[in-house]
Protein backbone atom coordinates (compact mmCIF):
# COMPACT_ATOMS: atom_id res chain seq x y z
CA UNK A 1 133.15 72.83 103.03
CA UNK A 2 132.88 76.39 101.70
CA UNK A 3 129.44 77.86 102.35
CA UNK A 4 128.10 81.40 101.99
CA UNK A 5 126.08 82.87 104.88
CA UNK A 6 123.65 84.28 102.31
CA UNK A 7 122.84 80.70 101.29
CA UNK A 8 121.89 79.92 104.89
CA UNK A 9 119.67 83.05 104.88
CA UNK A 10 117.94 81.59 101.85
CA UNK A 11 117.49 78.30 103.73
CA UNK A 12 115.85 80.11 106.66
CA UNK A 13 113.59 82.19 104.42
CA UNK A 14 112.30 79.08 102.63
CA UNK A 15 111.86 77.21 105.92
CA UNK A 16 109.77 80.09 107.30
CA UNK A 17 107.72 80.85 104.21
CA UNK A 18 107.39 77.45 102.54
CA UNK A 19 107.76 78.74 98.98
CA UNK A 20 110.54 80.11 96.78
CA UNK A 21 108.44 83.10 95.72
CA UNK A 22 107.64 84.20 99.27
CA UNK A 23 111.25 83.61 100.34
CA UNK A 24 112.40 85.79 97.45
CA UNK A 25 110.02 88.55 98.58
CA UNK A 26 111.34 88.39 102.15
CA UNK A 27 114.94 88.55 100.93
CA UNK A 28 114.35 91.21 98.28
CA UNK A 29 115.61 88.82 95.64
CA UNK A 30 114.22 86.90 92.66
CA UNK A 31 112.74 83.41 92.70
CA UNK A 32 115.36 81.96 90.29
CA UNK A 33 118.18 83.37 92.43
CA UNK A 34 116.69 81.85 95.58
CA UNK A 35 116.32 78.51 93.81
CA UNK A 36 119.94 78.57 92.61
CA UNK A 37 121.26 79.43 96.08
CA UNK A 38 119.29 76.61 97.66
CA UNK A 39 120.59 74.17 95.06
CA UNK A 40 124.17 75.35 95.66
CA UNK A 41 123.78 74.94 99.43
CA UNK A 42 122.34 71.44 99.12
CA UNK A 43 125.16 70.42 96.77
CA UNK A 44 127.77 71.81 99.16
CA UNK A 45 126.25 70.05 102.18
CA UNK A 46 125.55 66.87 100.25
CA UNK A 47 121.96 66.63 101.50
CA UNK A 48 118.50 67.63 100.33
CA UNK A 49 117.24 70.13 102.90
CA UNK A 50 113.64 70.25 101.69
CA UNK A 51 111.01 67.98 100.25
CA UNK A 52 109.32 69.56 97.22
CA UNK A 53 105.55 69.03 97.55
CA UNK A 54 102.49 70.40 95.77
CA UNK A 55 101.88 72.63 98.80
CA UNK A 56 105.40 74.04 98.87
CA UNK A 57 108.75 73.28 100.46
CA UNK A 58 108.80 71.11 103.61
CA UNK A 59 111.96 70.57 105.67
CA UNK A 60 113.58 67.16 105.22
CA UNK A 61 115.04 65.28 108.18
CA UNK A 62 118.44 66.83 107.41
CA UNK A 63 116.88 70.27 107.17
CA UNK A 64 115.12 69.82 110.51
CA UNK A 65 118.39 68.68 112.08
CA UNK A 66 120.26 71.89 111.20
CA UNK A 67 117.43 74.44 111.54
CA UNK A 68 118.15 75.39 115.16
CA UNK A 69 121.88 75.67 114.46
CA UNK A 70 121.30 77.99 111.50
CA UNK A 71 118.90 80.10 113.55
CA UNK A 72 121.61 80.51 116.21
CA UNK A 73 124.01 81.56 113.47
CA UNK A 74 121.43 84.13 112.35
CA UNK A 75 121.09 85.48 115.88
CA UNK A 76 124.85 86.00 116.11
CA UNK A 77 125.10 87.54 112.65
CA UNK A 78 122.25 89.99 113.26
CA UNK A 79 123.69 90.87 116.68
CA UNK A 80 126.92 91.90 114.94
CA UNK A 81 124.96 93.86 112.32
CA UNK A 82 122.94 95.69 115.00
CA UNK A 83 126.02 96.70 116.96
CA UNK A 84 127.83 97.94 113.87
CA UNK A 85 124.70 99.67 112.58
CA UNK A 86 124.51 101.70 115.77
CA UNK A 87 127.04 104.08 114.29
CA UNK A 88 127.91 107.53 115.55
CA UNK A 89 126.29 109.82 113.00
CA UNK A 90 122.93 110.73 111.52
CA UNK A 91 124.01 109.43 108.12
CA UNK A 92 122.64 106.16 106.81
CA UNK A 93 119.48 104.11 106.55
CA UNK A 94 116.69 103.65 109.10
CA UNK A 95 113.98 101.12 108.25
CA UNK A 96 110.54 101.71 109.78
CA UNK A 97 107.65 99.24 109.72
CA UNK A 98 103.97 99.98 110.32
CA UNK A 99 100.48 99.48 108.90
CA UNK A 100 99.52 101.12 105.62
CA UNK A 101 97.12 103.79 106.84
CA UNK A 102 99.34 104.81 109.77
CA UNK A 103 102.30 105.08 107.42
CA UNK A 104 100.38 107.13 104.84
CA UNK A 105 98.46 109.50 107.10
CA UNK A 106 100.68 109.83 110.17
CA UNK A 107 104.31 108.89 109.53
CA UNK A 108 104.84 110.00 105.92
CA UNK A 109 104.36 113.76 106.60
CA UNK A 110 106.56 113.53 109.70
CA UNK A 111 109.34 111.70 107.86
CA UNK A 112 109.26 114.20 105.00
CA UNK A 113 109.89 116.99 107.51
CA UNK A 114 112.64 115.02 109.30
CA UNK A 115 114.51 114.66 106.00
CA UNK A 116 114.53 118.43 105.58
CA UNK A 117 116.45 118.78 108.84
CA UNK A 118 118.60 115.67 108.36
CA UNK A 119 119.33 115.46 104.61
CA UNK A 120 121.90 112.66 105.02
CA UNK A 121 119.39 110.40 106.72
CA UNK A 122 117.71 107.77 104.53
CA UNK A 123 114.31 106.52 105.74
CA UNK A 124 112.71 103.36 104.39
CA UNK A 125 109.02 103.12 105.31
CA UNK A 126 107.67 99.55 105.08
CA UNK A 127 103.87 99.24 105.25
CA UNK A 128 102.36 95.80 105.69
CA UNK A 129 99.91 93.99 107.95
CA UNK A 130 102.34 91.40 109.36
CA UNK A 131 104.45 92.14 112.42
CA UNK A 132 108.10 92.28 111.42
CA UNK A 133 110.87 90.95 113.65
CA UNK A 134 113.12 93.58 115.21
CA UNK A 135 115.30 90.77 116.57
CA UNK A 136 116.06 89.58 113.02
CA UNK A 137 116.46 93.24 112.01
CA UNK A 138 113.67 93.19 109.46
CA UNK A 139 113.20 96.81 110.61
CA UNK A 140 114.96 99.24 112.95
CA UNK A 141 111.79 100.85 114.34
CA UNK A 142 108.31 99.40 114.34
CA UNK A 143 104.98 101.11 115.07
CA UNK A 144 102.26 98.57 115.79
CA UNK A 145 98.82 98.37 117.38
CA UNK A 146 99.75 95.91 120.09
CA UNK A 147 102.52 95.62 122.63
CA UNK A 148 105.72 93.86 121.61
CA UNK A 149 106.39 90.41 123.03
CA UNK A 150 109.97 90.07 121.80
CA UNK A 151 112.20 90.01 124.92
CA UNK A 152 114.93 92.29 123.57
CA UNK A 153 112.62 95.05 122.28
CA UNK A 154 112.40 98.38 124.09
CA UNK A 155 108.93 99.82 123.54
CA UNK A 156 107.09 103.01 124.36
CA UNK A 157 103.52 104.16 123.95
CA UNK A 158 103.59 106.35 120.87
CA UNK A 159 100.05 107.60 120.27
CA UNK A 160 96.43 107.05 121.22
CA UNK A 161 94.26 106.67 118.13
CA UNK A 162 90.63 107.73 118.25
CA UNK A 163 87.97 106.41 115.88
CA UNK A 164 84.57 107.64 114.72
CA UNK A 165 81.81 106.45 112.44
CA UNK A 166 81.69 108.18 109.04
CA UNK A 167 79.46 108.35 105.98
CA UNK A 168 79.28 110.52 102.87
CA UNK A 169 76.81 113.40 102.53
CA UNK A 170 75.27 111.71 99.50
CA UNK A 171 74.73 108.52 101.50
CA UNK A 172 73.10 110.43 104.36
CA UNK A 173 70.80 112.31 101.99
CA UNK A 174 69.74 109.00 100.48
CA UNK A 175 69.42 106.97 103.69
CA UNK A 176 69.12 109.45 106.53
CA UNK A 177 71.25 109.70 109.64
CA UNK A 178 71.32 106.36 111.51
CA UNK A 179 71.08 108.13 114.86
CA UNK A 180 68.30 110.58 113.92
CA UNK A 181 65.19 108.43 113.93
CA UNK A 182 63.19 107.67 110.82
CA UNK A 183 65.05 108.41 107.58
CA UNK A 184 63.66 109.01 104.06
CA UNK A 185 64.30 105.41 103.09
CA UNK A 186 62.64 103.91 106.16
CA UNK A 187 65.88 103.81 108.13
CA UNK A 188 65.91 103.93 111.93
CA UNK A 189 68.34 104.46 114.78
CA UNK A 190 68.77 100.65 114.94
CA UNK A 191 70.32 100.78 111.49
CA UNK A 192 67.50 99.23 109.47
CA UNK A 193 68.04 100.11 105.82
CA UNK A 194 71.67 101.08 106.34
CA UNK A 195 74.80 99.49 104.90
CA UNK A 196 78.05 98.99 106.80
CA UNK A 197 81.62 98.96 105.50
CA UNK A 198 83.80 96.95 107.89
CA UNK A 199 87.17 95.27 108.17
CA UNK A 200 87.38 91.92 106.37
CA UNK A 201 86.87 88.62 108.17
CA UNK A 202 90.59 88.26 108.85
CA UNK A 203 90.38 91.39 111.07
CA UNK A 204 86.91 90.77 112.49
CA UNK A 205 88.36 90.60 116.01
CA UNK A 206 89.26 94.31 115.99
CA UNK A 207 87.17 96.14 118.57
CA UNK A 208 85.53 98.58 116.15
CA UNK A 209 83.88 95.78 114.13
CA UNK A 210 81.61 94.37 116.90
CA UNK A 211 81.09 97.93 118.18
CA UNK A 212 79.61 99.06 114.85
CA UNK A 213 77.46 95.94 114.60
CA UNK A 214 76.16 96.50 118.14
CA UNK A 215 75.33 100.17 117.51
CA UNK A 216 73.46 99.38 114.26
CA UNK A 217 72.27 95.79 114.74
CA UNK A 218 69.72 95.93 111.91
CA UNK A 219 72.17 97.27 109.34
CA UNK A 220 73.65 95.01 106.66
CA UNK A 221 77.38 94.50 106.16
CA UNK A 222 77.66 95.30 102.47
CA UNK A 223 81.40 95.62 101.97
CA UNK A 224 84.56 94.51 103.75
CA UNK A 225 88.19 95.52 103.22
CA UNK A 226 91.48 94.94 105.06
CA UNK A 227 92.58 98.53 104.38
CA UNK A 228 91.35 101.63 106.22
CA UNK A 229 92.06 103.71 103.13
CA UNK A 230 89.97 101.39 100.98
CA UNK A 231 87.17 101.59 103.54
CA UNK A 232 87.38 105.39 103.45
CA UNK A 233 87.18 105.45 99.65
CA UNK A 234 84.18 103.12 99.68
CA UNK A 235 82.56 105.26 102.34
CA UNK A 236 83.23 108.53 100.47
CA UNK A 237 81.74 106.97 97.33
CA UNK A 238 78.46 106.46 99.18
CA UNK A 239 78.78 102.73 99.87
CA UNK A 240 77.80 102.93 103.55
CA UNK A 241 78.93 103.66 107.10
CA UNK A 242 82.47 102.86 108.26
CA UNK A 243 84.47 103.23 111.46
CA UNK A 244 87.72 105.03 110.64
CA UNK A 245 90.67 106.55 112.51
CA UNK A 246 90.28 110.32 112.81
CA UNK A 247 93.50 110.76 110.83
CA UNK A 248 91.78 109.04 107.89
CA UNK A 249 88.15 110.08 108.17
CA UNK A 250 88.46 113.67 109.38
CA UNK A 251 90.89 114.61 106.59
CA UNK A 252 88.56 113.43 103.81
CA UNK A 253 86.26 116.30 102.71
CA UNK A 254 83.79 113.76 101.34
CA UNK A 255 83.08 112.23 104.75
CA UNK A 256 80.88 113.33 107.64
CA UNK A 257 81.42 112.22 111.24
CA UNK A 258 78.36 110.50 112.72
CA UNK A 259 77.01 110.57 116.26
CA UNK A 260 75.97 107.05 117.22
CA UNK A 261 75.66 107.81 120.92
CA UNK A 262 79.24 106.96 121.86
CA UNK A 263 82.66 106.80 120.27
CA UNK A 264 84.12 103.50 119.02
CA UNK A 265 86.94 101.93 121.08
CA UNK A 266 90.32 103.58 120.55
CA UNK A 267 93.68 101.93 119.93
CA UNK A 268 97.18 102.47 121.29
CA UNK A 269 100.14 102.51 118.91
CA UNK A 270 103.43 101.25 120.36
CA UNK A 271 106.87 102.16 119.06
CA UNK A 272 109.60 99.55 119.43
CA UNK A 273 113.34 99.32 118.82
CA UNK A 274 115.77 96.49 119.57
CA UNK A 275 117.84 97.11 122.69
CA UNK A 276 121.07 96.93 120.66
CA UNK A 277 119.85 99.74 118.39
CA UNK A 278 118.34 102.20 120.87
CA UNK A 279 121.58 104.19 121.21
CA UNK A 280 122.07 104.62 117.47
CA UNK A 281 122.10 108.41 116.85
CA UNK A 282 120.10 108.16 113.63
CA UNK A 283 117.47 105.83 115.13
CA UNK A 284 117.13 107.94 118.29
CA UNK A 285 116.90 111.10 116.16
CA UNK A 286 114.14 109.73 113.95
CA UNK A 287 112.15 108.20 116.82
CA UNK A 288 112.50 111.32 118.97
CA UNK A 289 111.41 113.59 116.09
CA UNK A 290 108.44 111.34 115.38
CA UNK A 291 107.26 111.29 118.99
CA UNK A 292 107.74 115.07 119.24
CA UNK A 293 105.64 115.55 116.10
CA UNK A 294 102.89 113.37 117.52
CA UNK A 295 102.98 115.35 120.76
CA UNK A 296 102.67 118.57 118.73
CA UNK A 297 99.45 117.15 117.29
CA UNK A 298 98.19 117.00 120.90
CA UNK A 299 98.08 113.20 120.86
CA UNK A 300 99.23 110.95 123.69
CA UNK A 301 102.95 110.26 123.56
CA UNK A 302 105.74 109.16 125.82
CA UNK A 303 109.12 110.93 125.31
CA UNK A 304 112.09 108.87 124.22
CA UNK A 305 113.94 109.98 127.38
CA UNK A 306 111.71 107.59 129.33
CA UNK A 307 113.06 104.62 127.46
CA UNK A 308 115.61 102.62 129.49
């Protein structure tokens, strides 16, 4: 039996995603290529590994039987990749994962400056809402808004993010300040007559959403978005009041910070690397430079030297 490890990677991607198109996205490939590799693997093994249903691809009994074995193969293969990727120079690629707004407003300027000082370093910034796996080496460094629960990840507190409520000047002229009593449109400090721009229902558990609703209980949620940048654009266009990170709201000349009696809850961003990668010169250099840059912005950081 002559099998290609890349075919087993295709098998795992389909098993985890349930569709050829999503598996292709995870692998950075095309849907036809993924389909051909799966067909080749099934022909080589002599078994159908998936049942094709209207809802996607479901593991067959044979597929279920080998899933754990293939995952162990993946663990060994990625362990080899991590050790070899450690390297001894600042040349090469470092993949960094984070959310969109944090990547745009915080990391992008820092990384641009790092490249000036390390021109042989290649940085790939991946922005998405899902949490990537450092164990499977979907990224080398990850910045996320919750602590890591992967056992082999070394993490450090990277930055404390503060939030405020914002609105546009045009909106405030039209509706009045929500914390300044009666407004021209009959608005009050309870939020009557005001419109809110919040995170969408998939992120309704974030602390700033109930905070805003509690501060302005009579306001109406008029728009929702899963992107802080989209919220900021809606807010700047006069759509309503939004809670935004200072790095987003304070840098937009079209927005005004509001005083609603107290600040919204803040968030902690955690930086994580896999334990096998923490000694890589290029990964240490990028992470150290990033934490130093955050410290220079007078934000809470923990130096990389504190990492075990």
